[in-house]
Amino acid sequence: MTNQAQPGLDRQHQEPSAGPLIEHARRACLMHRLSFEGTDPHSVRVPADAVEELVQSLTIGETRRRVQQIIPFMPDTRRQFSGMIWRQLAQRCEVERYYLVPSGDERRALEVVQRDEESQLTSLCVSVQGWSEQPQVPMADLWLIDGCVVVREEFGGSGSASWLVSGHTSEIENARRMLRSLAEAHRMERHLADGGRPTGPDLTRWMLESAQMLYALASMSCTSSRYVDPEECRWYHGVWQYLRLFDMVSSPSWHASFYADRLREEIQNGARRILISGTADYTTLAFVLHAARDSSGVIPPDLDVHVLDLCQTPLLACQWYAGRLGLRITLHKADVTSSAELSEAGLLAEAPFDLIVADAFLTRLSRKQARQAVDNWSGLLRSRGTVLTTVRLHPRNDYRIQEPSDLEANDRYRVTDPTDDFELRLRERASGWQGMLSIDIEDLSRAGRRYAERMKSHDLGDVDEVIKLFQDRDFDVLNRTAERVQGELVGTEYLRVTASRQ
């Protein structure tokens, strides 16, 4: 009798094979590679890990005539091998570079330009800020090779980079447009360089260095600022410098000429004991120190700067900035609306101040708190001492952020949601800087939205009411001007006040 195998038993005793699964994995990798590189015959994507080989390939085969580059300036360059290859290539063809230099980092960039020139690379610097009204060039590498191929760096939502190599006419024209705009920007900078002293410090380079530090620090050092939030203020101070970088929030930079001129005048007239009352970071301190420098860049040795705030985070930011400049300042963690806390901090027992600077601070307070703050400023100043401050004029907002209970809004409200607008503007402004940021764009977007949702500014009235606030507390208002600014959630006007204690 012939034994017949049972199919079910055969299947149970067959050895498992890895072959089919491995083949499926190969197909999955192939599909992933196709989706990454694309199937366009005129362009291909290259992973960031392969960029060194891409640079090296330029020195092999066909002779190149001209390479034009846009390069975000990073003093701690990430691609030293690429730099060596570019120097070799410069011996064989014309290499032109535009360095996008975060404002404030020009000196170090010029040192790199000098090294480039020694290697026969033609390099120019163009100062860039987180956001400006000028046409924006993304902070990403771009090369235009022989006018016919574009190689540019791209960043995904997570900040991971890849490179696009394209011969498409649209890519080439876009690269040429950016190069033309940088050439014009460089010419304008050379022209403006002869126009005298800048109105204030540009802190772009500093904020790129410190923004993530303060973002992390806020979770440990922020407690309750009481002005901003009765519970905790890390949502405010943590994201603040990123918002500052992209000009999303009020700062002395919105009033640069006012602060630069008035501060310089006060310091030249002998103001040495200066109190910064309320600050979100070191920007106001930077304006004070910038104004204090004479034509040779020297700060008066007897300058005595104090910073007062209720939260430790901005105080630590000021300490960090001053330390980087080799300067000493005095910090006070206290509530300016509380005479008891000021006394406990020793401020009322010390010699009076010559000058108090408070940018956009009073509208962080209720009307009662604002009166208490101005009262205490009067007590902290010497006779004829000065207050320099800016105050948002809510009645002059472009429109009202309508609440369900606001029956007087009429037609002065906006159809689109201001919080949505704020988040979208932040994403748009930050998108071209992903390669320079230490924060994921999605995390930044969420943090910016939290700020817009929770930020509150108190209405202290129009010009006459703000002036009366000072006059009722023994101040003579020497100068007042209302100027329109872009605002945070709404366009508005700020009152710039110079007041002298009687």
Protein backbone atom coordinates (compact mmCIF):
# COMPACT_ATOMS: atom_id res chain seq x y z
CA MET A 1 0.00 0.00 0.00
CA THR A 2 1.34 3.39 -1.00
CA ASN A 3 1.50 5.98 1.80
CA GLN A 4 -0.01 9.31 0.76
CA ALA A 5 1.19 12.47 2.51
CA GLN A 6 -1.45 14.48 4.30
CA PRO A 7 -1.39 18.12 3.08
CA GLY A 8 -2.27 19.52 6.49
CA LEU A 9 0.60 17.70 8.19
CA ASP A 10 3.04 18.83 5.44
CA ARG A 11 2.18 22.47 6.04
CA GLN A 12 2.69 22.03 9.77
CA HIS A 13 6.19 20.53 9.29
CA GLN A 14 7.51 22.99 6.63
CA GLU A 15 10.48 25.08 7.79
CA PRO A 16 9.63 28.85 8.01
CA SER A 17 11.43 31.00 5.43
CA ALA A 18 12.63 34.61 5.84
CA GLY A 19 12.85 35.10 2.09
CA PRO A 20 9.35 36.45 1.37
CA LEU A 21 9.44 38.91 4.27
CA ILE A 22 12.88 40.19 3.26
CA GLU A 23 11.63 40.64 -0.30
CA HIS A 24 8.66 42.65 0.97
CA ALA A 25 11.06 44.76 3.03
CA ARG A 26 13.18 45.42 -0.07
CA ARG A 27 10.09 46.56 -1.95
CA ALA A 28 9.09 48.80 0.96
CA CYS A 29 12.56 50.38 0.94
CA LEU A 30 12.34 50.89 -2.81
CA MET A 31 8.95 52.59 -2.48
CA HIS A 32 10.27 54.77 0.35
CA ARG A 33 13.29 55.72 -1.75
CA LEU A 34 11.07 56.58 -4.70
CA SER A 35 8.77 58.69 -2.51
CA PHE A 36 11.80 60.52 -1.06
CA GLU A 37 13.79 61.04 -4.25
CA GLY A 38 10.76 61.52 -6.49
CA THR A 39 10.34 60.36 -10.07
CA ASP A 40 10.79 63.76 -11.73
CA PRO A 41 13.58 63.36 -14.35
CA HIS A 42 14.69 66.97 -13.76
CA SER A 43 15.09 66.86 -9.98
CA VAL A 44 16.12 64.51 -7.19
CA ARG A 45 16.25 64.65 -3.40
CA VAL A 46 19.42 63.73 -1.56
CA PRO A 47 19.56 62.84 2.16
CA ALA A 48 21.54 65.15 4.42
CA ASP A 49 24.08 62.39 5.12
CA ALA A 50 25.09 62.42 1.46
CA VAL A 51 25.79 66.14 1.15
CA GLU A 52 29.56 65.70 1.52
CA GLU A 53 29.60 63.34 -1.46
CA LEU A 54 27.42 65.80 -3.37
CA VAL A 55 29.93 68.60 -2.76
CA GLN A 56 32.84 66.35 -3.71
CA SER A 57 31.12 65.42 -6.98
CA LEU A 58 31.39 69.05 -8.12
CA THR A 59 35.17 68.63 -8.43
CA ILE A 60 34.88 65.52 -10.61
CA GLY A 61 34.08 65.29 -14.29
CA GLU A 62 32.63 68.30 -16.12
CA THR A 63 34.47 71.57 -15.50
CA ARG A 64 32.40 74.12 -13.61
CA ARG A 65 32.54 77.80 -14.55
CA ARG A 66 30.62 79.52 -11.75
CA VAL A 67 29.00 78.53 -8.46
CA GLN A 68 26.89 81.06 -6.52
CA GLN A 69 26.03 80.21 -2.94
CA ILE A 70 23.72 81.39 -0.17
CA ILE A 71 24.95 80.13 3.21
CA PRO A 72 23.49 80.75 6.70
CA PHE A 73 26.42 81.87 8.82
CA MET A 74 27.34 79.53 11.63
CA PRO A 75 30.74 80.18 13.22
CA ASP A 76 30.89 76.57 14.43
CA THR A 77 30.55 75.29 10.87
CA ARG A 78 29.00 71.87 10.52
CA ARG A 79 30.77 70.89 7.30
CA GLN A 80 34.52 71.37 7.59
CA PHE A 81 35.21 68.75 4.90
CA SER A 82 32.87 70.60 2.52
CA GLY A 83 34.78 73.79 3.24
CA MET A 84 38.01 72.15 2.14
CA ILE A 85 36.40 70.92 -1.09
CA TRP A 86 34.98 74.39 -1.84
CA ARG A 87 38.43 75.91 -1.42
CA GLN A 88 39.81 73.40 -3.91
CA LEU A 89 36.97 74.14 -6.33
CA ALA A 90 37.70 77.88 -6.10
CA GLN A 91 41.07 77.15 -7.74
CA ARG A 92 39.23 75.91 -10.84
CA CYS A 93 36.14 78.10 -11.15
CA GLU A 94 34.48 81.25 -9.83
CA VAL A 95 32.83 80.74 -6.42
CA GLU A 96 30.65 83.56 -5.03
CA ARG A 97 29.10 83.43 -1.56
CA TYR A 98 26.50 85.40 0.34
CA TYR A 99 26.59 84.70 4.06
CA LEU A 100 23.27 85.27 5.84
CA VAL A 101 24.56 86.67 9.12
CA PRO A 102 22.26 86.99 12.16
CA SER A 103 22.49 90.66 13.11
CA GLY A 104 25.04 91.15 15.84
CA ASP A 105 27.41 88.46 14.53
CA GLU A 106 29.05 90.53 11.79
CA ARG A 107 32.53 90.61 13.34
CA ARG A 108 32.91 86.82 13.41
CA ALA A 109 31.47 86.58 9.90
CA LEU A 110 34.05 89.02 8.55
CA GLU A 111 36.79 86.76 9.91
CA VAL A 112 35.35 83.89 7.84
CA VAL A 113 35.12 86.15 4.78
CA GLN A 114 38.79 86.97 5.15
CA ARG A 115 39.69 83.26 5.21
CA ASP A 116 37.52 82.72 2.12
CA GLU A 117 39.33 85.49 0.26
CA GLU A 118 42.66 83.86 1.07
CA SER A 119 41.29 80.77 -0.74
CA GLN A 120 40.08 82.88 -3.72
CA LEU A 121 36.38 82.63 -2.80
CA THR A 122 34.41 85.86 -3.24
CA SER A 123 32.28 86.27 -0.11
CA LEU A 124 29.89 88.98 1.08
CA CYS A 125 27.88 89.31 4.30
CA VAL A 126 24.22 90.30 4.53
CA SER A 127 22.73 90.92 7.97
CA VAL A 128 19.42 89.18 8.62
CA GLN A 129 16.85 89.37 11.40
CA GLY A 130 14.22 86.89 12.50
CA TRP A 131 11.67 88.94 10.61
CA SER A 132 11.65 92.20 8.72
CA GLU A 133 9.54 93.89 6.08
CA GLN A 134 12.19 93.17 3.45
CA PRO A 135 11.80 90.15 1.12
CA GLN A 136 12.80 87.08 3.05
CA VAL A 137 15.49 84.62 2.01
CA PRO A 138 15.22 81.29 3.89
CA MET A 139 18.05 80.51 6.31
CA ALA A 140 19.06 77.46 4.29
CA ASP A 141 21.93 76.64 1.95
CA LEU A 142 21.40 77.21 -1.75
CA TRP A 143 23.81 76.80 -4.67
CA LEU A 144 23.27 77.89 -8.27
CA ILE A 145 25.73 75.96 -10.45
CA ASP A 146 26.60 77.37 -13.88
CA GLY A 147 23.19 79.05 -13.94
CA CYS A 148 21.49 75.78 -14.83
CA VAL A 149 21.24 73.63 -11.67
CA VAL A 150 19.98 74.53 -8.20
CA VAL A 151 21.02 72.63 -5.09
CA ARG A 152 19.15 73.73 -1.99
CA GLU A 153 18.56 72.58 1.56
CA GLU A 154 15.00 71.75 2.64
CA PHE A 155 13.63 71.23 6.13
CA GLY A 156 10.72 69.02 7.09
CA GLY A 157 8.22 69.71 9.84
CA SER A 158 10.51 68.05 12.40
CA GLY A 159 13.48 70.17 11.34
CA SER A 160 15.20 67.26 9.54
CA ALA A 161 17.05 68.35 6.40
CA SER A 162 17.31 67.00 2.89
CA TRP A 163 18.71 68.49 -0.31
CA LEU A 164 16.93 69.12 -3.61
CA VAL A 165 18.93 69.07 -6.84
CA SER A 166 16.85 70.58 -9.64
CA GLY A 167 17.17 71.84 -13.18
CA HIS A 168 13.63 73.24 -13.31
CA THR A 169 13.36 76.76 -14.71
CA SER A 170 11.20 77.87 -11.77
CA GLU A 171 13.88 76.78 -9.27
CA ILE A 172 16.62 78.53 -11.25
CA GLU A 173 14.63 81.77 -11.52
CA ASN A 174 13.82 81.69 -7.80
CA ALA A 175 17.51 81.23 -6.97
CA ARG A 176 18.45 84.14 -9.23
CA ARG A 177 15.80 86.33 -7.59
CA MET A 178 17.17 85.57 -4.12
CA LEU A 179 20.74 86.28 -5.24
CA ARG A 180 19.67 89.60 -6.76
CA SER A 181 17.84 90.59 -3.57
CA LEU A 182 20.92 89.77 -1.47
CA ALA A 183 23.15 91.79 -3.78
CA GLU A 184 20.80 94.76 -3.36
CA ALA A 185 20.63 94.24 0.41
CA HIS A 186 24.43 94.24 0.58
CA ARG A 187 24.60 97.49 -1.40
CA MET A 188 22.01 99.08 0.91
CA GLU A 189 23.95 98.00 4.01
CA ARG A 190 27.11 99.61 2.67
CA HIS A 191 25.18 102.80 1.99
CA LEU A 192 23.56 102.85 5.44
CA ALA A 193 26.88 102.11 7.15
CA ASP A 194 27.84 105.73 6.49
CA GLY A 195 24.63 107.05 8.04
CA GLY A 196 25.87 107.22 11.65
CA ARG A 197 25.24 105.27 14.81
CA PRO A 198 22.47 102.61 14.81
CA THR A 199 19.39 103.42 16.89
CA GLY A 200 19.64 100.36 19.09
CA PRO A 201 21.23 96.95 19.58
CA ASP A 202 20.32 94.17 17.20
CA LEU A 203 20.02 91.02 19.26
CA THR A 204 19.31 88.39 16.59
CA ARG A 205 22.57 86.54 17.18
CA TRP A 206 22.12 86.69 20.95
CA MET A 207 18.55 85.38 20.82
CA LEU A 208 19.53 82.47 18.58
CA GLU A 209 21.94 81.51 21.34
CA SER A 210 19.70 82.07 24.37
CA ALA A 211 16.12 81.39 23.21
CA GLN A 212 16.26 77.63 23.79
CA MET A 213 18.15 78.12 27.05
CA LEU A 214 15.34 80.29 28.42
CA TYR A 215 12.70 77.95 26.97
CA ALA A 216 14.17 75.14 29.10
CA LEU A 217 14.97 77.35 32.09
CA ALA A 218 11.43 78.67 32.41
CA SER A 219 10.09 75.28 33.47
CA MET A 220 12.36 75.43 36.52
CA SER A 221 12.62 79.13 37.38
CA CYS A 222 9.15 80.50 36.53
CA THR A 223 6.69 80.54 39.41
CA SER A 224 3.89 83.07 39.72
CA SER A 225 4.52 86.54 38.33
CA ARG A 226 1.05 87.65 39.52
CA TYR A 227 0.99 90.26 36.75
CA VAL A 228 0.98 87.75 33.91
CA ASP A 229 -0.70 84.74 35.53
CA PRO A 230 -1.68 84.07 39.17
CA GLU A 231 -0.53 80.44 38.87
CA GLU A 232 2.65 80.30 36.76
CA CYS A 233 4.30 82.22 33.93
CA ARG A 234 6.46 79.68 32.08
CA TRP A 235 4.05 79.80 29.11
CA TYR A 236 4.99 83.49 28.90
CA HIS A 237 8.72 83.64 29.62
CA GLY A 238 9.53 80.26 28.03
CA VAL A 239 8.53 81.16 24.48
CA TRP A 240 9.18 84.90 24.77
CA GLN A 241 12.57 85.03 23.07
CA TYR A 242 11.40 82.95 20.13
CA LEU A 243 8.50 85.39 19.72
CA ARG A 244 10.97 88.28 20.04
CA LEU A 245 13.19 86.75 17.38
CA PHE A 246 10.31 86.86 14.90
CA ASP A 247 9.04 90.29 16.05
CA MET A 248 5.74 88.90 17.34
CA VAL A 249 5.68 90.68 20.71
CA SER A 250 6.13 94.18 22.07
CA SER A 251 9.69 95.16 22.90
CA PRO A 252 11.94 98.25 22.98
CA SER A 253 12.75 97.48 19.33
CA TRP A 254 9.28 98.79 18.44
CA HIS A 255 10.38 102.13 19.91
CA ALA A 256 14.09 101.98 19.11
CA SER A 257 14.65 105.66 18.29
CA PHE A 258 12.73 106.80 21.38
CA TYR A 259 14.77 104.67 23.76
CA ALA A 260 18.10 105.23 22.01
CA ASP A 261 17.75 109.02 21.96
CA ARG A 262 16.26 109.46 25.44
CA LEU A 263 18.63 106.98 27.11
CA ARG A 264 21.67 108.53 25.49
CA GLU A 265 20.52 112.00 26.54
CA GLU A 266 19.91 110.94 30.16
CA ILE A 267 23.25 109.15 30.48
CA GLN A 268 25.14 112.02 28.88
CA ASN A 269 23.44 114.32 31.42
CA GLY A 270 24.81 112.24 34.29
CA ALA A 271 22.31 109.42 34.95
CA ARG A 272 24.31 106.56 36.46
CA ARG A 273 21.95 104.69 38.83
CA ILE A 274 19.43 103.13 36.48
CA LEU A 275 16.54 100.80 37.37
CA ILE A 276 14.86 98.56 34.81
CA SER A 277 11.39 97.94 36.24
CA GLY A 278 9.76 94.83 34.78
CA THR A 279 11.27 92.96 31.85
CA ALA A 280 10.63 89.74 29.93
CA ASP A 281 14.26 89.18 28.93
CA TYR A 282 17.47 91.20 28.51
CA THR A 283 16.31 93.47 25.65
CA THR A 284 15.73 96.59 27.77
CA LEU A 285 19.08 96.00 29.48
CA ALA A 286 20.74 95.76 26.05
CA PHE A 287 19.25 99.12 25.05
CA VAL A 288 20.51 100.75 28.25
CA LEU A 289 24.04 99.37 27.80
CA HIS A 290 24.07 100.24 24.10
CA ALA A 291 23.12 103.85 24.86
CA ALA A 292 25.73 104.06 27.61
CA ARG A 293 28.65 103.31 25.29
CA ASP A 294 30.57 106.33 24.07
CA SER A 295 31.90 106.73 20.53
CA SER A 296 34.79 104.39 21.34
CA GLY A 297 32.45 101.72 22.74
CA VAL A 298 33.38 102.26 26.39
CA ILE A 299 30.72 102.09 29.14
CA PRO A 300 31.14 104.56 32.06
CA PRO A 301 32.84 102.67 34.90
CA ASP A 302 30.42 104.15 37.45
CA LEU A 303 27.29 102.97 35.60
CA ASP A 304 25.12 101.15 38.17
CA VAL A 305 22.31 99.15 36.54
CA HIS A 306 19.62 97.36 38.57
CA VAL A 307 16.88 95.05 37.25
CA LEU A 308 13.63 94.51 39.15
CA ASP A 309 11.11 91.79 38.33
CA LEU A 310 8.78 89.44 40.13
CA CYS A 311 9.99 86.33 38.23
CA GLN A 312 13.44 84.77 38.39
CA THR A 313 13.58 83.84 34.68
CA PRO A 314 14.04 87.34 33.17
CA LEU A 315 16.45 88.21 35.98
CA LEU A 316 18.61 85.20 35.08
CA ALA A 317 18.40 86.21 31.41
CA CYS A 318 19.74 89.67 32.27
CA GLN A 319 22.49 88.16 34.41
CA TRP A 320 23.51 85.89 31.51
CA TYR A 321 23.62 88.77 29.01
CA ALA A 322 25.59 91.08 31.30
CA GLY A 323 27.99 88.26 32.13
CA ARG A 324 28.68 87.62 28.46
CA LEU A 325 29.65 91.29 28.14
CA GLY A 326 31.85 91.11 31.23
CA LEU A 327 29.60 93.48 33.19
CA ARG A 328 28.03 93.29 36.64
CA ILE A 329 24.45 94.28 37.36
CA THR A 330 22.25 94.05 40.47
CA LEU A 331 19.09 91.91 40.44
CA HIS A 332 16.01 92.32 42.63
CA LYS A 333 13.20 89.76 42.77
CA ALA A 334 10.29 91.80 44.13
CA ASP A 335 6.88 93.26 43.27
CA VAL A 336 7.10 96.92 42.23
CA THR A 337 3.48 97.44 43.32
CA SER A 338 4.35 96.44 46.91
CA SER A 339 6.23 98.96 49.08
CA ALA A 340 6.79 96.18 51.63
CA GLU A 341 8.56 93.95 49.08
CA LEU A 342 10.63 96.86 47.77
CA SER A 343 11.66 97.67 51.33
CA GLU A 344 12.50 94.03 52.05
CA ALA A 345 14.64 93.96 48.89
CA GLY A 346 16.54 96.99 50.21
CA LEU A 347 15.55 99.23 47.33
CA LEU A 348 13.91 101.94 49.45
CA ALA A 349 16.91 102.18 51.79
CA GLU A 350 19.45 102.62 48.99
CA ALA A 351 20.38 105.85 47.24
CA PRO A 352 17.60 106.97 44.89
CA PHE A 353 17.78 106.21 41.19
CA ASP A 354 18.48 108.74 38.45
CA LEU A 355 16.44 106.90 35.84
CA ILE A 356 13.75 104.21 35.64
CA VAL A 357 13.08 102.38 32.36
CA ALA A 358 9.92 100.28 31.94
CA ASP A 359 8.95 99.12 28.46
CA ALA A 360 5.27 98.25 27.89
CA PHE A 361 5.00 97.32 31.57
CA LEU A 362 2.06 99.23 33.03
CA THR A 363 -0.59 97.49 30.89
CA ARG A 364 0.47 94.21 32.48
CA LEU A 365 -1.20 95.65 35.61
CA SER A 366 -4.73 96.55 36.56
CA ARG A 367 -5.48 100.26 36.96
CA LYS A 368 -5.10 99.99 40.73
CA GLN A 369 -1.77 98.15 40.40
CA ALA A 370 -0.55 100.67 37.80
CA ARG A 371 -1.22 103.52 40.23
CA GLN A 372 0.72 101.66 42.94
CA ALA A 373 3.64 101.05 40.55
CA VAL A 374 3.90 104.71 39.52
CA ASP A 375 3.62 105.73 43.20
CA ASN A 376 6.57 103.49 44.02
CA TRP A 377 8.57 104.73 41.04
CA SER A 378 8.21 108.20 42.50
CA GLY A 379 9.57 106.92 45.80
CA LEU A 380 12.53 105.21 44.12
CA LEU A 381 13.64 108.25 42.10
CA ARG A 382 15.65 111.25 43.17
CA SER A 383 14.14 114.70 42.70
CA ARG A 384 14.07 115.44 38.95
CA GLY A 385 14.81 111.80 38.24
CA THR A 386 13.27 110.47 35.02
CA VAL A 387 10.94 107.67 33.93
CA LEU A 388 11.08 106.42 30.34
CA THR A 389 8.21 104.12 29.43
CA THR A 390 5.78 103.07 26.72
CA VAL A 391 2.08 102.37 27.31
CA ARG A 392 -0.31 100.63 24.95
CA LEU A 393 -3.38 102.74 24.11
CA HIS A 394 -6.21 100.22 23.91
CA PRO A 395 -8.80 102.72 22.63
CA ARG A 396 -6.65 103.07 19.50
CA ASN A 397 -6.59 99.38 18.58
CA ASP A 398 -7.33 98.65 14.93
CA TYR A 399 -10.28 96.58 16.07
CA ARG A 400 -11.67 95.01 19.20
CA ILE A 401 -11.24 91.37 20.11
CA GLN A 402 -14.94 90.73 20.48
CA GLU A 403 -16.23 88.89 23.52
CA PRO A 404 -19.79 87.51 23.68
CA SER A 405 -20.61 90.11 26.33
CA ASP A 406 -19.14 93.02 24.33
CA LEU A 407 -22.25 94.77 23.09
CA GLU A 408 -20.36 97.88 21.98
CA ALA A 409 -18.03 96.24 19.48
CA ASN A 410 -20.26 97.20 16.52
CA ASP A 411 -18.15 96.96 13.36
CA ARG A 412 -14.75 97.24 15.09
CA TYR A 413 -13.99 93.56 15.26
CA ARG A 414 -12.28 91.09 12.98
CA VAL A 415 -13.86 88.16 11.19
CA THR A 416 -10.79 85.93 11.48
CA ASP A 417 -9.65 84.69 14.87
CA PRO A 418 -6.67 86.75 16.18
CA THR A 419 -5.16 83.72 17.92
CA ASP A 420 -5.23 81.74 14.67
CA ASP A 421 -3.67 84.70 12.87
CA PHE A 422 -0.92 84.96 15.50
CA GLU A 423 -0.04 81.27 15.20
CA LEU A 424 -0.03 81.37 11.40
CA ARG A 425 2.20 84.46 11.31
CA LEU A 426 4.61 82.77 13.70
CA ARG A 427 4.78 79.61 11.59
CA GLU A 428 5.30 81.64 8.42
CA ARG A 429 8.10 83.73 9.91
CA ALA A 430 9.83 80.78 11.60
CA SER A 431 9.60 78.35 8.67
CA GLY A 432 12.63 79.77 6.86
CA TRP A 433 14.75 79.55 10.02
CA GLN A 434 14.21 75.90 10.95
CA GLY A 435 17.85 75.04 10.39
CA MET A 436 18.91 77.71 12.91
CA LEU A 437 16.40 76.86 15.65
CA SER A 438 16.75 74.36 18.48
CA ILE A 439 12.99 73.94 18.80
CA ASP A 440 10.69 71.88 16.60
CA ILE A 441 8.39 74.09 14.52
CA GLU A 442 5.30 72.27 15.84
CA ASP A 443 6.36 72.80 19.47
CA LEU A 444 7.03 76.46 18.74
CA SER A 445 3.65 76.83 17.06
CA ARG A 446 1.84 75.33 20.06
CA ALA A 447 3.79 77.48 22.51
CA GLY A 448 3.02 80.59 20.47
CA ARG A 449 -0.66 79.74 20.43
CA ARG A 450 -0.69 79.27 24.22
CA TYR A 451 0.86 82.70 24.57
CA ALA A 452 -1.77 84.30 22.32
CA GLU A 453 -4.61 82.56 24.17
CA ARG A 454 -3.42 83.47 27.68
CA MET A 455 -1.77 86.86 27.23
CA LYS A 456 -3.75 89.73 28.74
CA SER A 457 -3.15 93.45 28.40
CA HIS A 458 -5.08 95.86 30.65
CA ASP A 459 -6.77 98.96 29.26
CA LEU A 460 -5.42 102.02 31.08
CA GLY A 461 -7.31 104.45 28.87
CA ASP A 462 -6.27 106.93 26.20
CA VAL A 463 -3.53 109.57 26.28
CA ASP A 464 -5.14 111.92 28.81
CA GLU A 465 -5.78 109.13 31.32
CA VAL A 466 -2.23 107.81 31.07
CA ILE A 467 -0.77 111.30 31.51
CA LYS A 468 -3.03 111.91 34.52
CA LEU A 469 -1.71 108.68 36.04
CA PHE A 470 1.73 110.31 36.20
CA GLN A 471 0.66 113.85 37.04
CA ASP A 472 -1.38 112.67 40.04
CA ARG A 473 1.79 111.08 41.46
CA ASP A 474 4.13 114.08 41.42
CA PHE A 475 5.48 113.68 37.90
CA ASP A 476 5.88 116.34 35.22
CA VAL A 477 5.36 114.81 31.78
CA LEU A 478 8.15 116.31 29.69
CA ASN A 479 7.39 114.56 26.44
CA ARG A 480 4.65 112.33 25.06
CA THR A 481 4.12 110.97 21.57
CA ALA A 482 1.69 108.33 20.34
CA GLU A 483 3.01 106.10 17.56
CA ARG A 484 1.37 103.27 15.62
CA VAL A 485 2.93 99.81 15.81
CA GLN A 486 2.00 96.43 14.37
CA GLY A 487 0.86 95.12 17.76
CA GLU A 488 0.77 91.52 18.91
CA LEU A 489 -2.78 90.39 18.18
CA VAL A 490 -4.05 93.73 16.85
CA GLY A 491 -2.47 96.82 15.33
CA THR A 492 -2.47 99.61 17.88
CA GLU A 493 -0.70 102.72 19.19
CA TYR A 494 1.73 103.13 22.07
CA LEU A 495 2.32 106.28 24.08
CA ARG A 496 6.00 107.07 24.58
CA VAL A 497 6.41 108.94 27.84
CA THR A 498 9.26 110.91 29.38
CA ALA A 499 8.31 112.00 32.90
CA SER A 500 10.31 113.78 35.59
CA ARG A 501 9.71 113.45 39.34
CA GLN A 502 8.97 116.79 40.98
